[in-house]
Amino acid sequence: MILHRYFARKYFSYYASVLAIFTIFIALIDLVEQIRRFGNNASFAKLMELTASNIPATIYKTMPLIMILSSVWMFLSLARSSELVVTRSVGRSPLQFLMAPVVVAGVIGIFIVTIFNPIVAASAKHFAQTRETVVSGKTPTFSVGSEGLWLRQGEDTGQTVIRAERSNPDGTVLYDVTLVTLSEIGRPIRRIEATSAALSAGEWTLGNAKIWPIDPAKNPEIDAFYQTSYSVPSSLTVEQIKDSFGSPITISIWNLTQYIRDLQSSGFSARRHAVWQQMEFARPIFLIAMMLIGAAFSMRHSRFGGTGMSVLIAVLLGFGLFYLRNFAQILGDNGQLPLLFAAWTPPIATLLIAMGVILHKEDG
């Protein structure tokens, strides 16, 4: 038990060190990137805000690399100090002294999915909104709920709030639409109800629309009129809608199930979010597997030579498996692989590969 606690503390300390190093480097690199992209449009405080809100998502994406590097660093250190030799000499097999790092990696993986994921979702959403404000000076808002789809677009003369019962899969055609136009001071000046609204370049084209001009001194119903086709200027683009509803990283894992239901009831395709949800459930297994990959190639004593090549193989193999996982995710998003197959096969395969390498190296 004492030995397990020692290896657990050792691995966690190396993991924390690598995480701190990566955070510092990512912060510096991201700050330079934000200055390059938005330096002419935003103050330094706003650039710092963009950087701070983008760091958690970047760390989240690079977590498998952090796991494998901390594992390599730890086991190389133990091998050089002959601690692994002593551990083997007292009758502890690699499968036994790897149990503590595996448990720590599993706890880290569960913490990342259950606690860190909501933080990443909130910061990623804030980053997207802040970036849009810096780029265009406007803050379009997108929301999907059980009551339907909500959009808010900003113009120089005010804002327009759009509500729709449902949509086509990419959000470019809305059905049973209500639009309320607000003035610069937030006063409603027009209401429109239409059976459909199609987004094209710079405008919404409404079908079978009824328009109510809103004036406190007049009766809106008296001045209302019908149009079989009516255009409303729009600052939204197809890409903005796809990015807003198609980025599952901005949705907390705790809210993702309900969000998928809301997407489906609103007419959107929720496959991308469903794949992401399953991949998040499988993330702890993948992180454990990456830790074992690092251990498999770095437990030999340094006097046997070939340490540098082993570390290089471990890192390259980790990168290859990481990109294979991302490739499976893309195939799952496109419907070319079954959802569960795309999400669970790469982590399980990575775990089996790691165990196979460890057993081959240690037991022949």
Protein backbone atom coordinates (compact mmCIF):
# COMPACT_ATOMS: atom_id res chain seq x y z
CA MET A 1 0.00 0.00 0.00
CA ILE A 2 2.86 2.39 0.82
CA LEU A 3 4.43 1.66 -2.55
CA HIS A 4 1.15 2.32 -4.35
CA ARG A 5 0.76 5.65 -2.55
CA TYR A 6 4.32 6.56 -3.48
CA PHE A 7 3.78 5.86 -7.18
CA ALA A 8 0.42 7.66 -7.10
CA ARG A 9 1.93 10.81 -5.57
CA LYS A 10 4.86 10.59 -7.95
CA TYR A 11 2.68 10.39 -11.04
CA PHE A 12 0.36 13.16 -9.89
CA SER A 13 3.30 15.49 -9.22
CA TYR A 14 4.73 14.88 -12.68
CA TYR A 15 1.30 15.35 -14.23
CA ALA A 16 0.83 18.64 -12.39
CA SER A 17 4.27 19.83 -13.53
CA VAL A 18 3.62 19.02 -17.19
CA LEU A 19 0.16 20.60 -16.96
CA ALA A 20 1.64 23.81 -15.53
CA ILE A 21 4.32 23.95 -18.25
CA PHE A 22 1.76 23.41 -21.00
CA THR A 23 -0.56 26.05 -19.52
CA ILE A 24 2.19 28.68 -19.51
CA PHE A 25 3.31 27.91 -23.06
CA ILE A 26 -0.26 27.78 -24.38
CA ALA A 27 -1.07 31.10 -22.69
CA LEU A 28 1.95 32.82 -24.24
CA ILE A 29 1.38 31.37 -27.71
CA ASP A 30 -2.34 32.12 -27.63
CA LEU A 31 -1.76 35.71 -26.48
CA VAL A 32 0.59 36.27 -29.41
CA GLU A 33 -2.00 34.77 -31.76
CA GLN A 34 -4.79 36.99 -30.40
CA ILE A 35 -2.57 40.07 -30.77
CA ARG A 36 -1.79 39.09 -34.36
CA ARG A 37 -5.43 38.54 -35.26
CA PHE A 38 -7.24 41.23 -33.27
CA GLY A 39 -4.52 43.67 -32.16
CA ASN A 40 -5.91 46.46 -34.33
CA ASN A 41 -9.52 45.98 -33.19
CA ALA A 42 -9.30 45.39 -29.45
CA SER A 43 -7.58 46.67 -26.34
CA PHE A 44 -4.94 44.66 -24.53
CA ALA A 45 -7.43 43.89 -21.75
CA LYS A 46 -9.84 42.44 -24.31
CA LEU A 47 -7.01 40.39 -25.83
CA MET A 48 -6.16 39.04 -22.38
CA GLU A 49 -9.83 38.15 -21.91
CA LEU A 50 -9.82 36.26 -25.22
CA THR A 51 -6.66 34.42 -24.23
CA ALA A 52 -7.92 33.48 -20.77
CA SER A 53 -11.22 32.18 -22.14
CA ASN A 54 -9.47 30.12 -24.84
CA ILE A 55 -6.88 28.44 -22.60
CA PRO A 56 -9.21 25.84 -20.96
CA ALA A 57 -10.44 24.49 -24.31
CA THR A 58 -6.87 24.23 -25.65
CA ILE A 59 -5.71 22.42 -22.51
CA TYR A 60 -8.73 20.12 -22.79
CA LYS A 61 -7.79 19.16 -26.34
CA THR A 62 -4.13 18.52 -25.48
CA MET A 63 -4.84 16.49 -22.32
CA PRO A 64 -3.90 13.12 -23.93
CA LEU A 65 -0.48 14.54 -24.84
CA ILE A 66 -0.04 15.84 -21.29
CA MET A 67 -0.85 12.38 -19.92
CA ILE A 68 1.66 10.59 -22.12
CA LEU A 69 4.47 13.10 -21.50
CA SER A 70 3.99 13.03 -17.73
CA SER A 71 4.06 9.23 -17.85
CA VAL A 72 7.27 9.18 -19.91
CA TRP A 73 8.90 11.72 -17.61
CA MET A 74 7.97 9.81 -14.46
CA PHE A 75 9.07 6.36 -15.59
CA LEU A 76 12.31 7.62 -17.12
CA SER A 77 13.08 9.27 -13.78
CA LEU A 78 12.28 6.06 -11.89
CA ALA A 79 14.35 3.99 -14.29
CA ARG A 80 17.40 6.27 -14.01
CA SER A 81 17.24 6.20 -10.21
CA SER A 82 16.92 2.37 -10.28
CA GLU A 83 13.67 2.57 -8.32
CA LEU A 84 11.98 0.30 -10.87
CA VAL A 85 14.80 -2.23 -10.47
CA VAL A 86 14.31 -2.24 -6.70
CA THR A 87 10.55 -2.54 -7.14
CA ARG A 88 10.97 -5.55 -9.41
CA SER A 89 13.50 -7.13 -7.05
CA VAL A 90 10.99 -7.22 -4.19
CA GLY A 91 8.59 -9.20 -6.34
CA ARG A 92 6.39 -6.43 -7.75
CA SER A 93 5.55 -6.95 -11.42
CA PRO A 94 4.93 -3.97 -13.74
CA LEU A 95 1.22 -4.74 -13.76
CA GLN A 96 1.21 -4.32 -9.99
CA PHE A 97 3.16 -1.08 -9.67
CA LEU A 98 1.24 0.40 -12.62
CA MET A 99 -2.02 0.08 -10.71
CA ALA A 100 -1.49 3.31 -8.76
CA PRO A 101 -0.75 5.49 -11.85
CA VAL A 102 -3.71 3.88 -13.63
CA VAL A 103 -6.01 4.82 -10.73
CA VAL A 104 -4.65 8.37 -10.67
CA ALA A 105 -5.09 8.69 -14.45
CA GLY A 106 -8.64 7.36 -14.12
CA VAL A 107 -9.49 9.83 -11.34
CA ILE A 108 -8.02 12.66 -13.42
CA GLY A 109 -10.07 11.53 -16.41
CA ILE A 110 -13.30 11.45 -14.38
CA PHE A 111 -12.51 14.87 -12.89
CA ILE A 112 -11.84 16.30 -16.35
CA VAL A 113 -15.16 15.01 -17.73
CA THR A 114 -17.37 15.85 -14.75
CA ILE A 115 -15.81 19.04 -13.36
CA PHE A 116 -13.46 20.55 -15.93
CA ASN A 117 -15.77 19.95 -18.90
CA PRO A 118 -18.43 22.48 -17.73
CA ILE A 119 -15.66 25.06 -17.16
CA VAL A 120 -14.38 24.45 -20.68
CA ALA A 121 -17.91 24.74 -22.09
CA ALA A 122 -18.52 28.09 -20.38
CA SER A 123 -15.15 29.53 -21.35
CA ALA A 124 -15.42 28.31 -24.97
CA LYS A 125 -18.85 29.90 -25.30
CA HIS A 126 -17.55 33.15 -23.82
CA PHE A 127 -14.58 33.10 -26.19
CA ALA A 128 -16.83 32.64 -29.23
CA GLN A 129 -19.13 35.49 -28.18
CA THR A 130 -16.25 37.84 -27.33
CA ARG A 131 -14.47 37.09 -30.60
CA GLU A 132 -17.64 37.82 -32.57
CA THR A 133 -18.04 41.11 -30.72
CA VAL A 134 -14.43 42.09 -31.49
CA VAL A 135 -14.69 41.10 -35.16
CA SER A 136 -18.09 42.53 -36.08
CA GLY A 137 -19.03 44.72 -33.14
CA LYS A 138 -22.30 42.79 -32.82
CA THR A 139 -23.40 39.99 -30.49
CA PRO A 140 -25.67 37.49 -32.23
CA THR A 141 -27.21 35.05 -29.79
CA PHE A 142 -28.33 31.50 -30.50
CA SER A 143 -30.37 29.28 -28.23
CA VAL A 144 -32.19 25.98 -28.53
CA GLY A 145 -34.72 24.91 -25.94
CA SER A 146 -37.87 22.92 -25.48
CA GLU A 147 -39.89 25.97 -26.55
CA GLY A 148 -38.10 26.15 -29.92
CA LEU A 149 -35.22 27.94 -31.57
CA TRP A 150 -34.20 31.50 -30.65
CA LEU A 151 -31.88 33.81 -32.58
CA ARG A 152 -30.84 37.38 -31.98
CA GLN A 153 -29.10 39.42 -34.62
CA GLY A 154 -27.70 42.90 -34.23
CA GLU A 155 -27.83 45.74 -36.74
CA ASP A 156 -26.73 49.36 -36.68
CA THR A 157 -30.31 50.49 -36.09
CA GLY A 158 -31.22 47.97 -33.41
CA GLN A 159 -31.76 44.26 -32.95
CA THR A 160 -34.10 41.56 -34.18
CA VAL A 161 -35.21 38.64 -32.02
CA ILE A 162 -36.28 35.55 -33.97
CA ARG A 163 -38.18 32.57 -32.63
CA ALA A 164 -39.00 29.45 -34.66
CA GLU A 165 -40.76 26.23 -33.84
CA ARG A 166 -38.32 24.14 -35.88
CA SER A 167 -35.62 24.29 -38.51
CA ASN A 168 -33.95 22.34 -41.27
CA PRO A 169 -30.77 20.46 -40.21
CA ASP A 170 -28.35 23.33 -40.86
CA GLY A 171 -30.52 26.15 -39.52
CA THR A 172 -30.86 28.05 -42.80
CA VAL A 173 -34.62 27.53 -43.12
CA LEU A 174 -36.90 28.21 -40.15
CA TYR A 175 -40.57 27.28 -39.83
CA ASP A 176 -43.44 28.97 -37.92
CA VAL A 177 -41.34 32.06 -37.34
CA THR A 178 -41.91 35.15 -35.21
CA LEU A 179 -39.62 38.18 -35.56
CA VAL A 180 -39.62 41.19 -33.26
CA THR A 181 -37.54 44.19 -34.30
CA LEU A 182 -36.22 46.44 -31.52
CA SER A 183 -34.97 49.99 -31.83
CA GLU A 184 -31.61 51.21 -30.54
CA ILE A 185 -33.18 51.94 -27.16
CA GLY A 186 -34.79 48.50 -26.98
CA ARG A 187 -38.36 49.50 -27.88
CA PRO A 188 -40.27 47.07 -30.16
CA ILE A 189 -41.07 48.72 -33.50
CA ARG A 190 -42.24 45.78 -35.61
CA ARG A 191 -43.56 42.23 -35.30
CA ILE A 192 -43.66 39.67 -38.08
CA GLU A 193 -45.15 36.18 -38.19
CA ALA A 194 -44.36 33.91 -41.14
CA THR A 195 -44.70 30.27 -42.07
CA SER A 196 -41.04 30.07 -43.13
CA ALA A 197 -37.82 32.08 -43.21
CA ALA A 198 -34.91 31.19 -45.52
CA LEU A 199 -31.46 32.67 -44.90
CA SER A 200 -29.63 33.94 -47.96
CA ALA A 201 -26.84 36.47 -48.48
CA GLY A 202 -27.57 39.34 -46.09
CA GLU A 203 -31.29 38.71 -45.55
CA TRP A 204 -34.07 36.46 -44.36
CA THR A 205 -36.69 35.72 -47.03
CA LEU A 206 -40.04 35.22 -45.30
CA GLY A 207 -42.93 33.27 -46.76
CA ASN A 208 -46.59 34.13 -46.07
CA ALA A 209 -45.71 36.90 -43.65
CA LYS A 210 -47.97 39.14 -41.60
CA ILE A 211 -46.34 42.39 -40.50
CA TRP A 212 -47.47 44.56 -37.57
CA PRO A 213 -45.86 48.04 -37.34
CA ILE A 214 -45.74 48.88 -33.63
CA ASP A 215 -46.47 52.49 -32.72
CA PRO A 216 -47.73 53.52 -29.25
CA ALA A 217 -50.06 56.05 -30.87
CA LYS A 218 -51.71 53.57 -33.27
CA ASN A 219 -53.49 50.21 -33.25
CA PRO A 220 -51.01 47.66 -34.72
CA GLU A 221 -53.77 45.37 -35.99
CA ILE A 222 -55.29 48.14 -38.12
CA ASP A 223 -51.97 48.85 -39.86
CA ALA A 224 -51.02 45.16 -40.25
CA PHE A 225 -50.56 43.80 -43.78
CA TYR A 226 -49.73 40.51 -45.50
CA GLN A 227 -46.90 39.66 -47.87
CA THR A 228 -46.41 36.33 -49.64
CA SER A 229 -42.68 37.11 -49.78
CA TYR A 230 -40.95 39.60 -47.50
CA SER A 231 -37.27 40.33 -46.88
CA VAL A 232 -35.64 41.23 -43.57
CA PRO A 233 -31.96 42.28 -43.50
CA SER A 234 -29.72 39.89 -41.57
CA SER A 235 -26.19 40.08 -40.20
CA LEU A 236 -26.12 36.31 -39.68
CA THR A 237 -24.35 33.86 -41.96
CA VAL A 238 -24.75 30.15 -42.52
CA GLU A 239 -21.30 29.59 -41.00
CA GLN A 240 -22.24 31.45 -37.82
CA ILE A 241 -25.35 29.34 -37.34
CA LYS A 242 -23.51 26.09 -38.03
CA ASP A 243 -20.70 27.04 -35.64
CA SER A 244 -23.09 28.09 -32.88
CA PHE A 245 -25.24 24.97 -33.00
CA GLY A 246 -22.53 22.63 -34.23
CA SER A 247 -19.84 23.06 -31.57
CA PRO A 248 -20.51 20.54 -28.80
CA ILE A 249 -17.52 21.73 -26.74
CA THR A 250 -19.60 24.78 -25.73
CA ILE A 251 -22.23 22.54 -24.08
CA SER A 252 -21.60 21.13 -20.61
CA ILE A 253 -21.62 17.34 -20.37
CA TRP A 254 -24.35 17.68 -17.73
CA ASN A 255 -26.63 19.55 -20.16
CA LEU A 256 -25.72 17.65 -23.31
CA THR A 257 -28.46 15.00 -23.15
CA GLN A 258 -31.23 17.59 -22.88
CA TYR A 259 -29.55 19.74 -25.53
CA ILE A 260 -29.53 16.79 -27.94
CA ARG A 261 -33.26 16.28 -27.35
CA ASP A 262 -33.90 19.99 -27.95
CA LEU A 263 -31.86 19.94 -31.16
CA GLN A 264 -33.77 16.95 -32.47
CA SER A 265 -37.15 18.44 -31.57
CA SER A 266 -36.15 21.68 -33.34
CA GLY A 267 -35.25 19.83 -36.52
CA PHE A 268 -31.45 19.98 -36.22
CA SER A 269 -29.20 16.99 -36.65
CA ALA A 270 -27.78 16.11 -33.22
CA ARG A 271 -25.44 13.36 -34.40
CA ARG A 272 -22.31 15.44 -33.87
CA HIS A 273 -23.31 16.16 -30.28
CA ALA A 274 -24.23 12.51 -29.67
CA VAL A 275 -20.82 11.36 -30.91
CA TRP A 276 -19.12 13.96 -28.73
CA GLN A 277 -21.12 12.84 -25.69
CA GLN A 278 -20.06 9.23 -26.11
CA MET A 279 -16.45 10.25 -26.67
CA GLU A 280 -16.55 12.24 -23.44
CA PHE A 281 -17.82 9.17 -21.60
CA ALA A 282 -14.90 7.20 -23.07
CA ARG A 283 -12.29 9.92 -22.36
CA PRO A 284 -11.08 8.48 -18.99
CA ILE A 285 -10.30 5.16 -20.71
CA PHE A 286 -8.37 6.96 -23.44
CA LEU A 287 -6.36 8.98 -20.90
CA ILE A 288 -5.48 5.79 -18.98
CA ALA A 289 -4.41 4.18 -22.26
CA MET A 290 -2.18 7.16 -23.13
CA MET A 291 -0.54 6.97 -19.72
CA LEU A 292 0.16 3.26 -20.27
CA ILE A 293 1.59 3.96 -23.74
CA GLY A 294 4.10 6.31 -22.14
CA ALA A 295 4.95 3.77 -19.45
CA ALA A 296 5.36 0.91 -21.93
CA PHE A 297 8.32 2.57 -23.68
CA SER A 298 10.06 4.18 -20.72
CA MET A 299 10.32 1.52 -17.98
CA ARG A 300 13.58 0.00 -19.19
CA HIS A 301 16.72 0.95 -17.30
CA SER A 302 18.75 3.64 -19.04
CA ARG A 303 21.90 1.48 -19.06
CA PHE A 304 20.33 -0.73 -21.71
CA GLY A 305 20.45 2.21 -24.13
CA GLY A 306 17.94 3.31 -26.73
CA THR A 307 16.10 5.58 -24.30
CA GLY A 308 15.76 8.44 -26.77
CA MET A 309 14.36 6.18 -29.48
CA SER A 310 11.89 4.62 -27.05
CA VAL A 311 10.62 8.03 -25.96
CA LEU A 312 10.30 9.11 -29.60
CA ILE A 313 8.33 5.97 -30.45
CA ALA A 314 6.04 6.49 -27.45
CA VAL A 315 5.29 10.10 -28.39
CA LEU A 316 4.77 9.31 -32.09
CA LEU A 317 2.54 6.35 -31.25
CA GLY A 318 0.55 8.55 -28.88
CA PHE A 319 0.14 11.20 -31.57
CA GLY A 320 -0.92 8.57 -34.09
CA LEU A 321 -3.54 7.09 -31.79
CA PHE A 322 -4.76 10.58 -30.85
CA TYR A 323 -5.31 11.50 -34.50
CA LEU A 324 -6.87 8.13 -35.18
CA ARG A 325 -9.39 8.93 -32.44
CA ASN A 326 -10.10 12.32 -34.03
CA PHE A 327 -10.46 10.68 -37.45
CA ALA A 328 -12.97 8.21 -36.03
CA GLN A 329 -14.87 11.15 -34.53
CA ILE A 330 -15.07 12.82 -37.96
CA LEU A 331 -16.35 9.60 -39.53
CA GLY A 332 -18.90 9.30 -36.73
CA ASP A 333 -20.03 12.91 -37.24
CA ASN A 334 -20.54 12.24 -40.95
CA GLY A 335 -22.48 9.05 -40.30
CA GLN A 336 -19.87 6.82 -41.94
CA LEU A 337 -19.28 4.92 -38.69
CA PRO A 338 -21.84 3.83 -36.08
CA LEU A 339 -21.97 6.21 -33.13
CA LEU A 340 -20.76 3.81 -30.44
CA PHE A 341 -18.12 2.30 -32.72
CA ALA A 342 -16.64 5.72 -33.51
CA ALA A 343 -16.59 6.80 -29.86
CA TRP A 344 -15.47 3.66 -28.01
CA THR A 345 -13.28 1.71 -30.43
CA PRO A 346 -10.22 4.06 -30.41
CA PRO A 347 -9.93 4.24 -26.57
CA ILE A 348 -10.38 0.49 -26.14
CA ALA A 349 -7.97 -0.27 -28.99
CA THR A 350 -5.39 2.12 -27.51
CA LEU A 351 -5.74 0.44 -24.11
CA LEU A 352 -5.26 -3.03 -25.62
CA ILE A 353 -2.22 -1.86 -27.60
CA ALA A 354 -0.65 -0.41 -24.47
CA MET A 355 -1.27 -3.57 -22.46
CA GLY A 356 0.10 -5.70 -25.28
CA VAL A 357 3.32 -3.69 -25.48
CA ILE A 358 3.78 -3.81 -21.70
CA LEU A 359 3.24 -7.57 -21.53
CA HIS A 360 5.55 -8.15 -24.49
CA LYS A 361 8.37 -6.03 -23.06
CA GLU A 362 8.10 -7.29 -19.50
CA ASP A 363 7.10 -10.93 -19.90
CA GLY A 364 8.29 -11.64 -23.45
